[in-house]
C-alpha atoms as a PDB file:
ATOM      1  CA  UNK A   1       0.075   0.082  -0.420  1.00  0.00           C
ATOM      2  CA  UNK A   2       1.240   3.622  -0.725  1.00  0.00           C
ATOM      3  CA  UNK A   3       1.376   5.592   2.096  1.00  0.00           C
ATOM      4  CA  UNK A   4       2.164   9.509   2.550  1.00  0.00           C
ATOM      5  CA  UNK A   5       3.387  12.000   5.321  1.00  0.00           C
ATOM      6  CA  UNK A   6       3.878  15.657   5.219  1.00  0.00           C
ATOM      7  CA  UNK A   7       5.627  17.616   7.964  1.00  0.00           C
ATOM      8  CA  UNK A   8       4.564  20.894   8.737  1.00  0.00           C
ATOM      9  CA  UNK A   9       6.994  23.017  11.018  1.00  0.00           C
ATOM     10  CA  UNK A  10       4.913  25.642  12.224  1.00  0.00           C
ATOM     11  CA  UNK A  11       6.201  28.994  12.178  1.00  0.00           C
ATOM     12  CA  UNK A  12      10.046  28.503  12.211  1.00  0.00           C
ATOM     13  CA  UNK A  13      11.647  28.661   9.318  1.00  0.00           C
ATOM     14  CA  UNK A  14      14.821  27.001   7.826  1.00  0.00           C
ATOM     15  CA  UNK A  15      15.825  23.653   6.645  1.00  0.00           C
ATOM     16  CA  UNK A  16      14.124  20.703   8.140  1.00  0.00           C
ATOM     17  CA  UNK A  17      16.801  18.189  10.015  1.00  0.00           C
ATOM     18  CA  UNK A  18      17.202  14.842   9.095  1.00  0.00           C
ATOM     19  CA  UNK A  19      13.930  13.268  10.257  1.00  0.00           C
ATOM     20  CA  UNK A  20      12.726   9.770  10.566  1.00  0.00           C
ATOM     21  CA  UNK A  21       9.349   7.963  11.184  1.00  0.00           C
ATOM     22  CA  UNK A  22       7.692   4.739  12.526  1.00  0.00           C
ATOM     23  CA  UNK A  23       3.964   4.163  11.541  1.00  0.00           C
ATOM     24  CA  UNK A  24       1.955   1.538  13.516  1.00  0.00           C
ATOM     25  CA  UNK A  25      -1.452  -0.016  12.771  1.00  0.00           C
ATOM     26  CA  UNK A  26      -3.516  -2.996  13.990  1.00  0.00           C
ATOM     27  CA  UNK A  27      -1.806  -5.654  11.861  1.00  0.00           C
ATOM     28  CA  UNK A  28       1.843  -4.166  11.818  1.00  0.00           C
ATOM     29  CA  UNK A  29       4.678  -1.581  11.889  1.00  0.00           C
ATOM     30  CA  UNK A  30       7.015  -0.149   9.618  1.00  0.00           C
ATOM     31  CA  UNK A  31      11.004  -0.238  10.768  1.00  0.00           C
ATOM     32  CA  UNK A  32      12.414   3.449  11.141  1.00  0.00           C
ATOM     33  CA  UNK A  33      12.508   5.140   7.888  1.00  0.00           C
ATOM     34  CA  UNK A  34      14.526   7.844   7.321  1.00  0.00           C
ATOM     35  CA  UNK A  35      13.330  10.914   5.191  1.00  0.00           C
ATOM     36  CA  UNK A  36      15.619  12.579   2.966  1.00  0.00           C
ATOM     37  CA  UNK A  37      16.721  16.338   3.691  1.00  0.00           C
ATOM     38  CA  UNK A  38      14.357  19.259   3.711  1.00  0.00           C
ATOM     39  CA  UNK A  39      11.382  16.730   2.401  1.00  0.00           C
ATOM     40  CA  UNK A  40       8.135  17.979   3.928  1.00  0.00           C
ATOM     41  CA  UNK A  41       6.135  15.327   1.440  1.00  0.00           C
ATOM     42  CA  UNK A  42       7.544  11.927   1.649  1.00  0.00           C
ATOM     43  CA  UNK A  43       5.521   8.799   0.541  1.00  0.00           C
ATOM     44  CA  UNK A  44       6.633   5.449   0.955  1.00  0.00           C
ATOM     45  CA  UNK A  45       5.317   2.010   0.012  1.00  0.00           C
ATOM     46  CA  UNK A  46       4.450  -0.985   2.807  1.00  0.00           C
ATOM     47  CA  UNK A  47       2.231  -3.922   3.305  1.00  0.00           C
ATOM     48  CA  UNK A  48      -0.825  -2.954   4.842  1.00  0.00           C
ATOM     49  CA  UNK A  49      -0.834  -1.775   8.702  1.00  0.00           C
ATOM     50  CA  UNK A  50      -4.418  -2.109   9.219  1.00  0.00           C
ATOM     51  CA  UNK A  51      -5.915   1.017  11.077  1.00  0.00           C
ATOM     52  CA  UNK A  52      -3.684   3.570  11.863  1.00  0.00           C
ATOM     53  CA  UNK A  53      -2.688   3.890  15.437  1.00  0.00           C
ATOM     54  CA  UNK A  54       0.243   6.052  15.893  1.00  0.00           C
ATOM     55  CA  UNK A  55       3.158   8.016  13.989  1.00  0.00           C
ATOM     56  CA  UNK A  56       6.397   8.565  15.686  1.00  0.00           C
ATOM     57  CA  UNK A  57       8.506  11.211  14.566  1.00  0.00           C
ATOM     58  CA  UNK A  58      12.143  12.061  15.565  1.00  0.00           C
ATOM     59  CA  UNK A  59      14.993  14.006  14.195  1.00  0.00           C
ATOM     60  CA  UNK A  60      18.883  13.080  14.251  1.00  0.00           C
ATOM     61  CA  UNK A  61      20.901  15.960  16.330  1.00  0.00           C
ATOM     62  CA  UNK A  62      23.475  18.049  14.113  1.00  0.00           C
ATOM     63  CA  UNK A  63      26.972  17.586  15.525  1.00  0.00           C
ATOM     64  CA  UNK A  64      28.452  20.342  17.557  1.00  0.00           C
END
């Protein structure tokens, strides 16, 4: 199945950091999916997750 995620950052303006997501449903969940930098719209294909129950979003901190 095709899935689509849109990342909206609110009033913050700048480049998006390296973001990762996991999506969970009542049938299964995805592994960690790393989104390409500066990609507010991301599409991916995965087997049927069932009814979606959660979306976990994280980012990789920049090294100082």
